[in-house]
């Protein structure tokens, strides 16, 4: 993944670092579920249930044309979101 935090399109629902943290937590959960599904598929267990994605994360993925198909893509996105969370400006009003 060649995207950096400066190239992300942030949907209007994502306002604070807490929102980014929620996306990170959701993405970690989805990554764990998809990894488990892939492991089960290797031993012949068929799983029809795919993890659900929240509207917030779904909008983020669509607007940035990102995919969660491979573990490498998910890990790269997690790292980029973690960087976004750590470098996002804080505005006090």
C-alpha atoms as a PDB file:
ATOM      1  CA  UNK A   1       0.000   0.000   0.000  1.00  0.00           C
ATOM      2  CA  UNK A   2       1.553   3.230  -1.086  1.00  0.00           C
ATOM      3  CA  UNK A   3      -0.950   5.550   0.578  1.00  0.00           C
ATOM      4  CA  UNK A   4       0.126   7.817   3.368  1.00  0.00           C
ATOM      5  CA  UNK A   5      -1.943   9.676   5.870  1.00  0.00           C
ATOM      6  CA  UNK A   6      -1.754  12.777   3.707  1.00  0.00           C
ATOM      7  CA  UNK A   7      -3.511  11.017   0.819  1.00  0.00           C
ATOM      8  CA  UNK A   8      -6.482   9.616   2.738  1.00  0.00           C
ATOM      9  CA  UNK A   9      -9.927  11.026   2.141  1.00  0.00           C
ATOM     10  CA  UNK A  10     -11.480  11.227   5.593  1.00  0.00           C
ATOM     11  CA  UNK A  11     -15.282  10.828   5.644  1.00  0.00           C
ATOM     12  CA  UNK A  12     -17.276  13.436   7.604  1.00  0.00           C
ATOM     13  CA  UNK A  13     -18.186  10.843  10.273  1.00  0.00           C
ATOM     14  CA  UNK A  14     -14.536  10.612  11.350  1.00  0.00           C
ATOM     15  CA  UNK A  15     -13.847  13.661  13.480  1.00  0.00           C
ATOM     16  CA  UNK A  16     -11.616  12.724  16.415  1.00  0.00           C
ATOM     17  CA  UNK A  17      -8.771  10.399  17.279  1.00  0.00           C
ATOM     18  CA  UNK A  18     -11.343   8.274  19.081  1.00  0.00           C
ATOM     19  CA  UNK A  19     -13.114   7.729  15.748  1.00  0.00           C
ATOM     20  CA  UNK A  20      -9.830   6.617  14.177  1.00  0.00           C
ATOM     21  CA  UNK A  21      -9.201   4.341  17.185  1.00  0.00           C
ATOM     22  CA  UNK A  22     -12.620   2.756  16.673  1.00  0.00           C
ATOM     23  CA  UNK A  23     -11.796   2.113  13.015  1.00  0.00           C
ATOM     24  CA  UNK A  24      -8.488   0.553  14.043  1.00  0.00           C
ATOM     25  CA  UNK A  25     -10.202  -1.687  16.590  1.00  0.00           C
ATOM     26  CA  UNK A  26     -12.843  -2.713  14.031  1.00  0.00           C
ATOM     27  CA  UNK A  27     -10.211  -3.398  11.386  1.00  0.00           C
ATOM     28  CA  UNK A  28      -8.210  -5.533  13.847  1.00  0.00           C
ATOM     29  CA  UNK A  29     -11.350  -7.565  14.583  1.00  0.00           C
ATOM     30  CA  UNK A  30     -12.097  -7.994  10.876  1.00  0.00           C
ATOM     31  CA  UNK A  31      -8.479  -8.963  10.219  1.00  0.00           C
ATOM     32  CA  UNK A  32      -8.633 -11.617  12.952  1.00  0.00           C
ATOM     33  CA  UNK A  33     -11.928 -12.996  11.631  1.00  0.00           C
ATOM     34  CA  UNK A  34     -10.705 -13.131   8.022  1.00  0.00           C
ATOM     35  CA  UNK A  35      -7.438 -14.765   9.089  1.00  0.00           C
ATOM     36  CA  UNK A  36      -9.421 -17.409  10.983  1.00  0.00           C
ATOM     37  CA  UNK A  37     -11.667 -17.979   7.944  1.00  0.00           C
ATOM     38  CA  UNK A  38      -8.574 -18.396   5.720  1.00  0.00           C
ATOM     39  CA  UNK A  39      -7.051 -20.871   8.188  1.00  0.00           C
ATOM     40  CA  UNK A  40     -10.286 -22.880   8.339  1.00  0.00           C
ATOM     41  CA  UNK A  41     -10.496 -22.915   4.546  1.00  0.00           C
ATOM     42  CA  UNK A  42      -7.021 -24.441   4.331  1.00  0.00           C
ATOM     43  CA  UNK A  43      -8.183 -27.457   6.326  1.00  0.00           C
ATOM     44  CA  UNK A  44     -11.410 -27.790   4.366  1.00  0.00           C
ATOM     45  CA  UNK A  45     -13.947 -26.101   6.650  1.00  0.00           C
ATOM     46  CA  UNK A  46     -16.312 -23.920   4.664  1.00  0.00           C
ATOM     47  CA  UNK A  47     -17.448 -20.682   6.289  1.00  0.00           C
ATOM     48  CA  UNK A  48     -20.205 -18.716   4.616  1.00  0.00           C
ATOM     49  CA  UNK A  49     -20.321 -15.854   7.116  1.00  0.00           C
ATOM     50  CA  UNK A  50     -18.182 -12.842   6.284  1.00  0.00           C
ATOM     51  CA  UNK A  51     -17.508 -10.154   8.882  1.00  0.00           C
ATOM     52  CA  UNK A  52     -19.686  -7.076   8.732  1.00  0.00           C
ATOM     53  CA  UNK A  53     -18.183  -3.655   8.200  1.00  0.00           C
ATOM     54  CA  UNK A  54     -19.573  -0.540   9.877  1.00  0.00           C
ATOM     55  CA  UNK A  55     -20.784   2.322   7.694  1.00  0.00           C
ATOM     56  CA  UNK A  56     -17.894   4.470   8.962  1.00  0.00           C
ATOM     57  CA  UNK A  57     -15.213   1.987   7.901  1.00  0.00           C
ATOM     58  CA  UNK A  58     -17.114   1.131   4.726  1.00  0.00           C
ATOM     59  CA  UNK A  59     -17.245   4.780   3.666  1.00  0.00           C
ATOM     60  CA  UNK A  60     -13.542   5.170   4.418  1.00  0.00           C
ATOM     61  CA  UNK A  61     -12.671   2.120   2.302  1.00  0.00           C
ATOM     62  CA  UNK A  62     -14.894   3.182  -0.619  1.00  0.00           C
ATOM     63  CA  UNK A  63     -13.737   6.799  -0.692  1.00  0.00           C
ATOM     64  CA  UNK A  64     -10.084   5.739  -0.620  1.00  0.00           C
ATOM     65  CA  UNK A  65     -10.588   2.804  -3.019  1.00  0.00           C
ATOM     66  CA  UNK A  66      -9.085   0.359  -0.514  1.00  0.00           C
ATOM     67  CA  UNK A  67      -9.617  -3.376  -0.212  1.00  0.00           C
ATOM     68  CA  UNK A  68      -9.390  -5.841   2.658  1.00  0.00           C
ATOM     69  CA  UNK A  69      -8.902  -8.907   0.453  1.00  0.00           C
ATOM     70  CA  UNK A  70      -5.428  -9.939   1.606  1.00  0.00           C
ATOM     71  CA  UNK A  71      -3.769  -9.982   4.997  1.00  0.00           C
ATOM     72  CA  UNK A  72      -0.979  -7.802   3.603  1.00  0.00           C
ATOM     73  CA  UNK A  73      -3.484  -5.102   2.583  1.00  0.00           C
ATOM     74  CA  UNK A  74      -5.162  -5.229   5.987  1.00  0.00           C
ATOM     75  CA  UNK A  75      -1.851  -4.999   7.862  1.00  0.00           C
ATOM     76  CA  UNK A  76      -0.714  -2.064   5.716  1.00  0.00           C
ATOM     77  CA  UNK A  77      -4.013  -0.265   6.316  1.00  0.00           C
ATOM     78  CA  UNK A  78      -3.749  -0.900  10.062  1.00  0.00           C
ATOM     79  CA  UNK A  79      -0.252   0.594  10.093  1.00  0.00           C
ATOM     80  CA  UNK A  80      -1.406   3.622   8.083  1.00  0.00           C
ATOM     81  CA  UNK A  81      -4.410   4.197  10.375  1.00  0.00           C
ATOM     82  CA  UNK A  82      -2.182   3.898  13.443  1.00  0.00           C
ATOM     83  CA  UNK A  83       0.116   6.515  11.914  1.00  0.00           C
ATOM     84  CA  UNK A  84      -2.900   8.718  11.142  1.00  0.00           C
ATOM     85  CA  UNK A  85      -4.077   8.432  14.735  1.00  0.00           C
ATOM     86  CA  UNK A  86      -0.637   9.302  16.115  1.00  0.00           C
ATOM     87  CA  UNK A  87      -0.073  12.277  13.809  1.00  0.00           C
ATOM     88  CA  UNK A  88      -3.577  13.749  13.575  1.00  0.00           C
ATOM     89  CA  UNK A  89      -3.730  17.352  14.770  1.00  0.00           C
ATOM     90  CA  UNK A  90      -5.680  18.166  17.913  1.00  0.00           C
ATOM     91  CA  UNK A  91      -7.740  21.333  17.923  1.00  0.00           C
ATOM     92  CA  UNK A  92      -8.983  22.777  21.194  1.00  0.00           C
ATOM     93  CA  UNK A  93     -11.980  25.065  20.955  1.00  0.00           C
END
